[in-house]
Amino acid sequence: SCLRSGRKTNDPPLLTGPSPTPKSWKPYILPGAIL
């Protein structure tokens, strides 16, 4: 539902959903090297 903490905070709750996957740079390495 939201972010829980042992301390009280006024930060708005984070939306739920799948965590963003960091982008991979591997597909860009070979074309960049050729260019």
Full PDB file with SEQRES, HELIX, SHEET, SSBOND, CRYST1, ORIGX, SCALE, CONECT and MASTER records, all heavy atoms in Angstrom:
SEQRES   1 A   35  SER CYS LEU ARG SER GLY ARG LYS THR ASN ASP PRO PRO          
SEQRES   2 A   35  LEU LEU THR GLY PRO SER PRO THR PRO LYS SER TRP LYS          
SEQRES   3 A   35  PRO TYR ILE LEU PRO GLY ALA ILE LEU                          
HELIX    1 AA1 LYS A   26  ILE A   34  1                                   9    
CRYST1    1.000    1.000    1.000  90.00  90.00  90.00 P 1           1          
ORIGX1      1.000000  0.000000  0.000000        0.00000                         
ORIGX2      0.000000  1.000000  0.000000        0.00000                         
ORIGX3      0.000000  0.000000  1.000000        0.00000                         
SCALE1      1.000000  0.000000  0.000000        0.00000                         
SCALE2      0.000000  1.000000  0.000000        0.00000                         
SCALE3      0.000000  0.000000  1.000000        0.00000                         
ATOM      1  N   SER A   1       0.811  -1.221   0.000  1.00  0.00           N  
ATOM      2  CA  SER A   1       0.000   0.000   0.000  1.00  0.00           C  
ATOM      3  C   SER A   1       0.836   1.258   0.000  1.00  0.00           C  
ATOM      4  O   SER A   1       0.586   2.163  -0.759  1.00  0.00           O  
ATOM      5  CB  SER A   1      -0.942   0.011   1.201  1.00  0.00           C  
ATOM      6  OG  SER A   1      -0.178  -0.060   2.402  1.00  0.00           O  
ATOM      7  N   CYS A   2       1.833   1.354   0.884  1.00  0.00           N  
ATOM      8  CA  CYS A   2       2.617   2.581   0.976  1.00  0.00           C  
ATOM      9  C   CYS A   2       3.930   2.278   1.650  1.00  0.00           C  
ATOM     10  O   CYS A   2       4.189   1.128   2.026  1.00  0.00           O  
ATOM     11  CB  CYS A   2       1.836   3.667   1.736  1.00  0.00           C  
ATOM     12  SG  CYS A   2       1.478   3.176   3.465  1.00  0.00           S  
ATOM     13  N   LEU A   3       4.739   3.301   1.889  1.00  0.00           N  
ATOM     14  CA  LEU A   3       6.034   3.152   2.529  1.00  0.00           C  
ATOM     15  C   LEU A   3       5.852   3.235   4.029  1.00  0.00           C  
ATOM     16  O   LEU A   3       5.310   4.200   4.536  1.00  0.00           O  
ATOM     17  CB  LEU A   3       6.988   4.244   2.045  1.00  0.00           C  
ATOM     18  CG  LEU A   3       8.392   4.233   2.626  1.00  0.00           C  
ATOM     19  CD1 LEU A   3       9.128   2.990   2.100  1.00  0.00           C  
ATOM     20  CD2 LEU A   3       9.153   5.490   2.249  1.00  0.00           C  
ATOM     21  N   ARG A   4       6.297   2.212   4.746  1.00  0.00           N  
ATOM     22  CA  ARG A   4       6.221   2.208   6.207  1.00  0.00           C  
ATOM     23  C   ARG A   4       7.577   2.531   6.797  1.00  0.00           C  
ATOM     24  O   ARG A   4       8.587   2.123   6.251  1.00  0.00           O  
ATOM     25  CB  ARG A   4       5.755   0.852   6.705  1.00  0.00           C  
ATOM     26  CG  ARG A   4       4.324   0.532   6.305  1.00  0.00           C  
ATOM     27  CD  ARG A   4       3.930  -0.815   6.838  1.00  0.00           C  
ATOM     28  NE  ARG A   4       2.551  -1.145   6.450  1.00  0.00           N  
ATOM     29  CZ  ARG A   4       1.966  -2.280   6.761  1.00  0.00           C  
ATOM     30  NH1 ARG A   4       2.619  -3.213   7.425  1.00  0.00           N  
ATOM     31  NH2 ARG A   4       0.713  -2.494   6.392  1.00  0.00           N  
ATOM     32  N   SER A   5       7.582   3.199   7.947  1.00  0.00           N  
ATOM     33  CA  SER A   5       8.821   3.539   8.623  1.00  0.00           C  
ATOM     34  C   SER A   5       8.595   3.550  10.101  1.00  0.00           C  
ATOM     35  O   SER A   5       7.481   3.761  10.575  1.00  0.00           O  
ATOM     36  CB  SER A   5       9.308   4.899   8.142  1.00  0.00           C  
ATOM     37  OG  SER A   5      10.444   5.302   8.863  1.00  0.00           O  
ATOM     38  N   GLY A   6       9.685   3.307  10.781  1.00  0.00           N  
ATOM     39  CA  GLY A   6       9.573   3.344  12.233  1.00  0.00           C  
ATOM     40  C   GLY A   6       9.453   4.751  12.729  1.00  0.00           C  
ATOM     41  O   GLY A   6       9.040   4.970  13.855  1.00  0.00           O  
ATOM     42  N   ARG A   7       9.832   5.705  11.907  1.00  0.00           N  
ATOM     43  CA  ARG A   7       9.712   7.104  12.299  1.00  0.00           C  
ATOM     44  C   ARG A   7       8.558   7.740  11.543  1.00  0.00           C  
ATOM     45  O   ARG A   7       8.228   7.350  10.435  1.00  0.00           O  
ATOM     46  CB  ARG A   7      11.005   7.874  11.974  1.00  0.00           C  
ATOM     47  CG  ARG A   7      12.224   7.317  12.718  1.00  0.00           C  
ATOM     48  CD  ARG A   7      13.451   8.087  12.303  1.00  0.00           C  
ATOM     49  NE  ARG A   7      14.631   7.546  12.964  1.00  0.00           N  
ATOM     50  CZ  ARG A   7      15.862   8.005  12.752  1.00  0.00           C  
ATOM     51  NH1 ARG A   7      16.045   8.985  11.888  1.00  0.00           N  
ATOM     52  NH2 ARG A   7      16.900   7.468  13.398  1.00  0.00           N  
ATOM     53  N   LYS A   8       8.026   8.781  12.161  1.00  0.00           N  
ATOM     54  CA  LYS A   8       6.959   9.523  11.506  1.00  0.00           C  
ATOM     55  C   LYS A   8       7.562  10.452  10.474  1.00  0.00           C  
ATOM     56  O   LYS A   8       8.554  11.107  10.709  1.00  0.00           O  
ATOM     57  CB  LYS A   8       6.159  10.341  12.513  1.00  0.00           C  
ATOM     58  CG  LYS A   8       5.342   9.474  13.455  1.00  0.00           C  
ATOM     59  CD  LYS A   8       4.498  10.335  14.371  1.00  0.00           C  
ATOM     60  CE  LYS A   8       3.639   9.482  15.296  1.00  0.00           C  
ATOM     61  NZ  LYS A   8       2.796  10.292  16.199  1.00  0.00           N  
ATOM     62  N   THR A   9       6.945  10.511   9.381  1.00  0.00           N  
ATOM     63  CA  THR A   9       7.433  11.383   8.304  1.00  0.00           C  
ATOM     64  C   THR A   9       6.267  11.985   7.588  1.00  0.00           C  
ATOM     65  O   THR A   9       5.172  11.429   7.549  1.00  0.00           O  
ATOM     66  CB  THR A   9       8.280  10.573   7.310  1.00  0.00           C  
ATOM     67  OG1 THR A   9       8.661  11.447   6.246  1.00  0.00           O  
ATOM     68  CG2 THR A   9       7.532   9.401   6.722  1.00  0.00           C  
ATOM     69  N   ASN A  10       6.516  13.143   7.019  1.00  0.00           N  
ATOM     70  CA  ASN A  10       5.470  13.842   6.253  1.00  0.00           C  
ATOM     71  C   ASN A  10       5.566  13.609   4.762  1.00  0.00           C  
ATOM     72  O   ASN A  10       4.878  14.237   3.979  1.00  0.00           O  
ATOM     73  CB  ASN A  10       5.558  15.352   6.520  1.00  0.00           C  
ATOM     74  CG  ASN A  10       5.240  15.674   7.984  1.00  0.00           C  
ATOM     75  OD1 ASN A  10       4.385  15.020   8.585  1.00  0.00           O  
ATOM     76  ND2 ASN A  10       5.925  16.690   8.527  1.00  0.00           N  
ATOM     77  N   ASP A  11       6.513  12.731   4.339  1.00  0.00           N  
ATOM     78  CA  ASP A  11       6.649  12.462   2.909  1.00  0.00           C  
ATOM     79  C   ASP A  11       5.411  11.777   2.390  1.00  0.00           C  
ATOM     80  O   ASP A  11       4.824  10.927   3.069  1.00  0.00           O  
ATOM     81  CB  ASP A  11       7.866  11.577   2.649  1.00  0.00           C  
ATOM     82  CG  ASP A  11       9.153  12.301   3.014  1.00  0.00           C  
ATOM     83  OD1 ASP A  11       9.129  13.564   3.027  1.00  0.00           O  
ATOM     84  OD2 ASP A  11      10.165  11.605   3.281  1.00  0.00           O  
ATOM     85  N   PRO A  12       5.004  12.116   1.216  1.00  0.00           N  
ATOM     86  CA  PRO A  12       3.816  11.447   0.629  1.00  0.00           C  
ATOM     87  C   PRO A  12       4.135   9.994   0.352  1.00  0.00           C  
ATOM     88  O   PRO A  12       5.269   9.622   0.097  1.00  0.00           O  
ATOM     89  CB  PRO A  12       3.563  12.226  -0.648  1.00  0.00           C  
ATOM     90  CG  PRO A  12       4.881  12.792  -1.016  1.00  0.00           C  
ATOM     91  CD  PRO A  12       5.571  13.105   0.285  1.00  0.00           C  
ATOM     92  N   PRO A  13       3.144   9.160   0.433  1.00  0.00           N  
ATOM     93  CA  PRO A  13       3.364   7.731   0.172  1.00  0.00           C  
ATOM     94  C   PRO A  13       3.759   7.498  -1.274  1.00  0.00           C  
ATOM     95  O   PRO A  13       3.323   8.211  -2.162  1.00  0.00           O  
ATOM     96  CB  PRO A  13       2.016   7.104   0.484  1.00  0.00           C  
ATOM     97  CG  PRO A  13       1.032   8.188   0.267  1.00  0.00           C  
ATOM     98  CD  PRO A  13       1.734   9.454   0.706  1.00  0.00           C  
ATOM     99  N   LEU A  14       4.639   6.529  -1.467  1.00  0.00           N  
ATOM    100  CA  LEU A  14       5.065   6.155  -2.818  1.00  0.00           C  
ATOM    101  C   LEU A  14       4.020   5.297  -3.474  1.00  0.00           C  
ATOM    102  O   LEU A  14       3.368   4.481  -2.823  1.00  0.00           O  
ATOM    103  CB  LEU A  14       6.389   5.396  -2.755  1.00  0.00           C  
ATOM    104  CG  LEU A  14       7.574   6.196  -2.202  1.00  0.00           C  
ATOM    105  CD1 LEU A  14       8.795   5.299  -2.136  1.00  0.00           C  
ATOM    106  CD2 LEU A  14       7.848   7.403  -3.064  1.00  0.00           C  
ATOM    107  N   LEU A  15       3.842   5.502  -4.777  1.00  0.00           N  
ATOM    108  CA  LEU A  15       2.879   4.700  -5.507  1.00  0.00           C  
ATOM    109  C   LEU A  15       3.400   3.292  -5.662  1.00  0.00           C  
ATOM    110  O   LEU A  15       4.605   3.057  -5.769  1.00  0.00           O  
ATOM    111  CB  LEU A  15       2.613   5.323  -6.877  1.00  0.00           C  
ATOM    112  CG  LEU A  15       1.981   6.729  -6.853  1.00  0.00           C  
ATOM    113  CD1 LEU A  15       1.859   7.250  -8.272  1.00  0.00           C  
ATOM    114  CD2 LEU A  15       0.620   6.682  -6.153  1.00  0.00           C  
ATOM    115  N   THR A  16       2.486   2.401  -5.686  1.00  0.00           N  
ATOM    116  CA  THR A  16       2.854   0.999  -5.863  1.00  0.00           C  
ATOM    117  C   THR A  16       3.072   0.712  -7.333  1.00  0.00           C  
ATOM    118  O   THR A  16       2.625   1.443  -8.200  1.00  0.00           O  
ATOM    119  CB  THR A  16       1.750   0.085  -5.311  1.00  0.00           C  
ATOM    120  OG1 THR A  16       0.570   0.338  -6.060  1.00  0.00           O  
ATOM    121  CG2 THR A  16       1.527   0.324  -3.846  1.00  0.00           C  
ATOM    122  N   GLY A  17       3.712  -0.363  -7.625  1.00  0.00           N  
ATOM    123  CA  GLY A  17       3.946  -0.765  -9.008  1.00  0.00           C  
ATOM    124  C   GLY A  17       5.298  -1.418  -9.120  1.00  0.00           C  
ATOM    125  O   GLY A  17       6.098  -1.390  -8.186  1.00  0.00           O  
ATOM    126  N   PRO A  18       5.576  -1.985 -10.247  1.00  0.00           N  
ATOM    127  CA  PRO A  18       6.874  -2.664 -10.419  1.00  0.00           C  
ATOM    128  C   PRO A  18       8.013  -1.660 -10.417  1.00  0.00           C  
ATOM    129  O   PRO A  18       7.894  -0.555 -10.922  1.00  0.00           O  
ATOM    130  CB  PRO A  18       6.730  -3.347 -11.791  1.00  0.00           C  
ATOM    131  CG  PRO A  18       5.692  -2.538 -12.508  1.00  0.00           C  
ATOM    132  CD  PRO A  18       4.731  -2.074 -11.449  1.00  0.00           C  
ATOM    133  N   SER A  19       9.084  -2.049  -9.784  1.00  0.00           N  
ATOM    134  CA  SER A  19      10.261  -1.190  -9.697  1.00  0.00           C  
ATOM    135  C   SER A  19      10.865  -1.024 -11.090  1.00  0.00           C  
ATOM    136  O   SER A  19      10.974  -1.996 -11.840  1.00  0.00           O  
ATOM    137  CB  SER A  19      11.304  -1.822  -8.758  1.00  0.00           C  
ATOM    138  OG  SER A  19      10.734  -1.978  -7.468  1.00  0.00           O  
ATOM    139  N   PRO A  20      11.239   0.223 -11.430  1.00  0.00           N  
ATOM    140  CA  PRO A  20      11.825   0.443 -12.771  1.00  0.00           C  
ATOM    141  C   PRO A  20      13.146  -0.293 -12.904  1.00  0.00           C  
ATOM    142  O   PRO A  20      13.989  -0.237 -12.019  1.00  0.00           O  
ATOM    143  CB  PRO A  20      12.003   1.959 -12.843  1.00  0.00           C  
ATOM    144  CG  PRO A  20      12.079   2.409 -11.416  1.00  0.00           C  
ATOM    145  CD  PRO A  20      11.206   1.485 -10.642  1.00  0.00           C  
ATOM    146  N   THR A  21      13.293  -0.969 -14.021  1.00  0.00           N  
ATOM    147  CA  THR A  21      14.520  -1.718 -14.292  1.00  0.00           C  
ATOM    148  C   THR A  21      15.544  -0.787 -14.920  1.00  0.00           C  
ATOM    149  O   THR A  21      15.229  -0.086 -15.876  1.00  0.00           O  
ATOM    150  CB  THR A  21      14.231  -2.874 -15.249  1.00  0.00           C  
ATOM    151  OG1 THR A  21      13.206  -3.684 -14.676  1.00  0.00           O  
ATOM    152  CG2 THR A  21      15.487  -3.713 -15.473  1.00  0.00           C  
ATOM    153  N   PRO A  22      16.772  -0.726 -14.365  1.00  0.00           N  
ATOM    154  CA  PRO A  22      17.782   0.152 -14.948  1.00  0.00           C  
ATOM    155  C   PRO A  22      18.077  -0.241 -16.406  1.00  0.00           C  
ATOM    156  O   PRO A  22      18.152  -1.410 -16.738  1.00  0.00           O  
ATOM    157  CB  PRO A  22      19.010  -0.071 -14.051  1.00  0.00           C  
ATOM    158  CG  PRO A  22      18.771  -1.380 -13.389  1.00  0.00           C  
ATOM    159  CD  PRO A  22      17.293  -1.490 -13.235  1.00  0.00           C  
ATOM    160  N   LYS A  23      18.227   0.789 -17.273  1.00  0.00           N  
ATOM    161  CA  LYS A  23      18.465   0.538 -18.696  1.00  0.00           C  
ATOM    162  C   LYS A  23      19.852  -0.042 -18.920  1.00  0.00           C  
ATOM    163  O   LYS A  23      20.815   0.369 -18.292  1.00  0.00           O  
ATOM    164  CB  LYS A  23      18.324   1.831 -19.507  1.00  0.00           C  
ATOM    165  CG  LYS A  23      16.916   2.389 -19.521  1.00  0.00           C  
ATOM    166  CD  LYS A  23      16.842   3.615 -20.400  1.00  0.00           C  
ATOM    167  CE  LYS A  23      15.422   4.156 -20.457  1.00  0.00           C  
ATOM    168  NZ  LYS A  23      15.331   5.354 -21.292  1.00  0.00           N  
ATOM    169  N   SER A  24      19.923  -0.984 -19.836  1.00  0.00           N  
ATOM    170  CA  SER A  24      21.211  -1.601 -20.169  1.00  0.00           C  
ATOM    171  C   SER A  24      21.838  -0.868 -21.340  1.00  0.00           C  
ATOM    172  O   SER A  24      21.185  -0.542 -22.320  1.00  0.00           O  
ATOM    173  CB  SER A  24      21.003  -3.077 -20.535  1.00  0.00           C  
ATOM    174  OG  SER A  24      22.207  -3.645 -20.969  1.00  0.00           O  
ATOM    175  N   TRP A  25      23.143  -0.592 -21.240  1.00  0.00           N  
ATOM    176  CA  TRP A  25      23.876   0.123 -22.289  1.00  0.00           C  
ATOM    177  C   TRP A  25      24.539  -0.816 -23.280  1.00  0.00           C  
ATOM    178  O   TRP A  25      25.190  -0.383 -24.218  1.00  0.00           O  
ATOM    179  CB  TRP A  25      24.933   1.032 -21.667  1.00  0.00           C  
ATOM    180  CG  TRP A  25      24.340   2.134 -20.867  1.00  0.00           C  
ATOM    181  CD1 TRP A  25      24.151   2.187 -19.536  1.00  0.00           C  
ATOM    182  CD2 TRP A  25      23.811   3.364 -21.387  1.00  0.00           C  
ATOM    183  NE1 TRP A  25      23.547   3.366 -19.158  1.00  0.00           N  
ATOM    184  CE2 TRP A  25      23.324   4.110 -20.286  1.00  0.00           C  
ATOM    185  CE3 TRP A  25      23.700   3.901 -22.677  1.00  0.00           C  
ATOM    186  CZ2 TRP A  25      22.746   5.367 -20.446  1.00  0.00           C  
ATOM    187  CZ3 TRP A  25      23.131   5.138 -22.829  1.00  0.00           C  
ATOM    188  CH2 TRP A  25      22.654   5.856 -21.718  1.00  0.00           C  
ATOM    189  N   LYS A  26      24.419  -2.122 -23.075  1.00  0.00           N  
ATOM    190  CA  LYS A  26      25.089  -3.076 -23.954  1.00  0.00           C  
ATOM    191  C   LYS A  26      24.668  -2.959 -25.416  1.00  0.00           C  
ATOM    192  O   LYS A  26      25.521  -3.024 -26.310  1.00  0.00           O  
ATOM    193  CB  LYS A  26      24.863  -4.506 -23.459  1.00  0.00           C  
ATOM    194  CG  LYS A  26      25.574  -4.793 -22.140  1.00  0.00           C  
ATOM    195  CD  LYS A  26      25.351  -6.234 -21.707  1.00  0.00           C  
ATOM    196  CE  LYS A  26      26.078  -6.544 -20.406  1.00  0.00           C  
ATOM    197  NZ  LYS A  26      25.872  -7.932 -19.976  1.00  0.00           N  
ATOM    198  N   PRO A  27      23.363  -2.776 -25.709  1.00  0.00           N  
ATOM    199  CA  PRO A  27      22.991  -2.684 -27.134  1.00  0.00           C  
ATOM    200  C   PRO A  27      23.595  -1.480 -27.858  1.00  0.00           C  
ATOM    201  O   PRO A  27      23.656  -1.440 -29.071  1.00  0.00           O  
ATOM    202  CB  PRO A  27      21.459  -2.591 -27.103  1.00  0.00           C  
ATOM    203  CG  PRO A  27      21.074  -3.178 -25.793  1.00  0.00           C  
ATOM    204  CD  PRO A  27      22.178  -2.805 -24.852  1.00  0.00           C  
ATOM    205  N   TYR A  28      24.044  -0.446 -27.073  1.00  0.00           N  
ATOM    206  CA  TYR A  28      24.569   0.758 -27.695  1.00  0.00           C  
ATOM    207  C   TYR A  28      26.088   0.765 -27.809  1.00  0.00           C  
ATOM    208  O   TYR A  28      26.663   1.645 -28.429  1.00  0.00           O  
ATOM    209  CB  TYR A  28      24.123   1.992 -26.903  1.00  0.00           C  
ATOM    210  CG  TYR A  28      22.616   2.095 -26.748  1.00  0.00           C  
ATOM    211  CD1 TYR A  28      21.992   1.641 -25.595  1.00  0.00           C  
ATOM    212  CD2 TYR A  28      21.837   2.638 -27.770  1.00  0.00           C  
ATOM    213  CE1 TYR A  28      20.620   1.730 -25.442  1.00  0.00           C  
ATOM    214  CE2 TYR A  28      20.460   2.724 -27.637  1.00  0.00           C  
ATOM    215  CZ  TYR A  28      19.843   2.270 -26.462  1.00  0.00           C  
ATOM    216  OH  TYR A  28      18.509   2.353 -26.332  1.00  0.00           O  
ATOM    217  N   ILE A  29      26.734  -0.206 -27.191  1.00  0.00           N  
ATOM    218  CA  ILE A  29      28.206  -0.199 -27.172  1.00  0.00           C  
ATOM    219  C   ILE A  29      28.774  -0.457 -28.560  1.00  0.00           C  
ATOM    220  O   ILE A  29      29.621   0.280 -29.059  1.00  0.00           O  
ATOM    221  CB  ILE A  29      28.722  -1.246 -26.154  1.00  0.00           C  
ATOM    222  CG1 ILE A  29      28.345  -0.816 -24.732  1.00  0.00           C  
ATOM    223  CG2 ILE A  29      30.241  -1.396 -26.274  1.00  0.00           C  
ATOM    224  CD1 ILE A  29      28.745  -1.824 -23.677  1.00  0.00           C  
ATOM    225  N   LEU A  30      28.328  -1.539 -29.250  1.00  0.00           N  
ATOM    226  CA  LEU A  30      28.869  -1.903 -30.558  1.00  0.00           C  
ATOM    227  C   LEU A  30      28.610  -0.850 -31.630  1.00  0.00           C  
ATOM    228  O   LEU A  30      29.535  -0.438 -32.338  1.00  0.00           O  
ATOM    229  CB  LEU A  30      28.313  -3.262 -30.991  1.00  0.00           C  
ATOM    230  CG  LEU A  30      28.850  -3.819 -32.312  1.00  0.00           C  
ATOM    231  CD1 LEU A  30      30.369  -3.966 -32.240  1.00  0.00           C  
ATOM    232  CD2 LEU A  30      28.192  -5.158 -32.645  1.00  0.00           C  
ATOM    233  N   PRO A  31      27.344  -0.334 -31.769  1.00  0.00           N  
ATOM    234  CA  PRO A  31      27.143   0.732 -32.772  1.00  0.00           C  
ATOM    235  C   PRO A  31      27.972   1.974 -32.479  1.00  0.00           C  
ATOM    236  O   PRO A  31      28.488   2.623 -33.378  1.00  0.00           O  
ATOM    237  CB  PRO A  31      25.633   1.016 -32.697  1.00  0.00           C  
ATOM    238  CG  PRO A  31      25.038  -0.235 -32.150  1.00  0.00           C  
ATOM    239  CD  PRO A  31      26.067  -0.765 -31.186  1.00  0.00           C  
ATOM    240  N   GLY A  32      28.099   2.318 -31.183  1.00  0.00           N  
ATOM    241  CA  GLY A  32      28.905   3.478 -30.829  1.00  0.00           C  
ATOM    242  C   GLY A  32      30.353   3.303 -31.199  1.00  0.00           C  
ATOM    243  O   GLY A  32      31.014   4.225 -31.684  1.00  0.00           O  
ATOM    244  N   ALA A  33      30.869   2.071 -30.959  1.00  0.00           N  
ATOM    245  CA  ALA A  33      32.271   1.810 -31.296  1.00  0.00           C  
ATOM    246  C   ALA A  33      32.489   1.887 -32.805  1.00  0.00           C  
ATOM    247  O   ALA A  33      33.485   2.422 -33.286  1.00  0.00           O  
ATOM    248  CB  ALA A  33      32.684   0.440 -30.768  1.00  0.00           C  
ATOM    249  N   ILE A  34      31.540   1.343 -33.587  1.00  0.00           N  
ATOM    250  CA  ILE A  34      31.669   1.384 -35.047  1.00  0.00           C  
ATOM    251  C   ILE A  34      31.632   2.817 -35.561  1.00  0.00           C  
ATOM    252  O   ILE A  34      32.437   3.232 -36.395  1.00  0.00           O  
ATOM    253  CB  ILE A  34      30.567   0.539 -35.701  1.00  0.00           C  
ATOM    254  CG1 ILE A  34      30.751  -0.955 -35.338  1.00  0.00           C  
ATOM    255  CG2 ILE A  34      30.569   0.715 -37.210  1.00  0.00           C  
ATOM    256  CD1 ILE A  34      29.637  -1.832 -35.841  1.00  0.00           C  
ATOM    257  N   LEU A  35      30.682   3.613 -35.025  1.00  0.00           N  
ATOM    258  CA  LEU A  35      30.571   5.000 -35.454  1.00  0.00           C  
ATOM    259  C   LEU A  35      31.821   5.788 -35.098  1.00  0.00           C  
ATOM    260  O   LEU A  35      32.326   6.587 -35.880  1.00  0.00           O  
ATOM    261  CB  LEU A  35      29.329   5.634 -34.817  1.00  0.00           C  
ATOM    262  CG  LEU A  35      29.031   7.091 -35.199  1.00  0.00           C  
ATOM    263  CD1 LEU A  35      28.837   7.209 -36.693  1.00  0.00           C  
ATOM    264  CD2 LEU A  35      27.811   7.597 -34.452  1.00  0.00           C  
TER     265      LEU A  35                                                      
MASTER        0    0    0    1    0    0    0    6  264    1    0    3          
END                                                                             
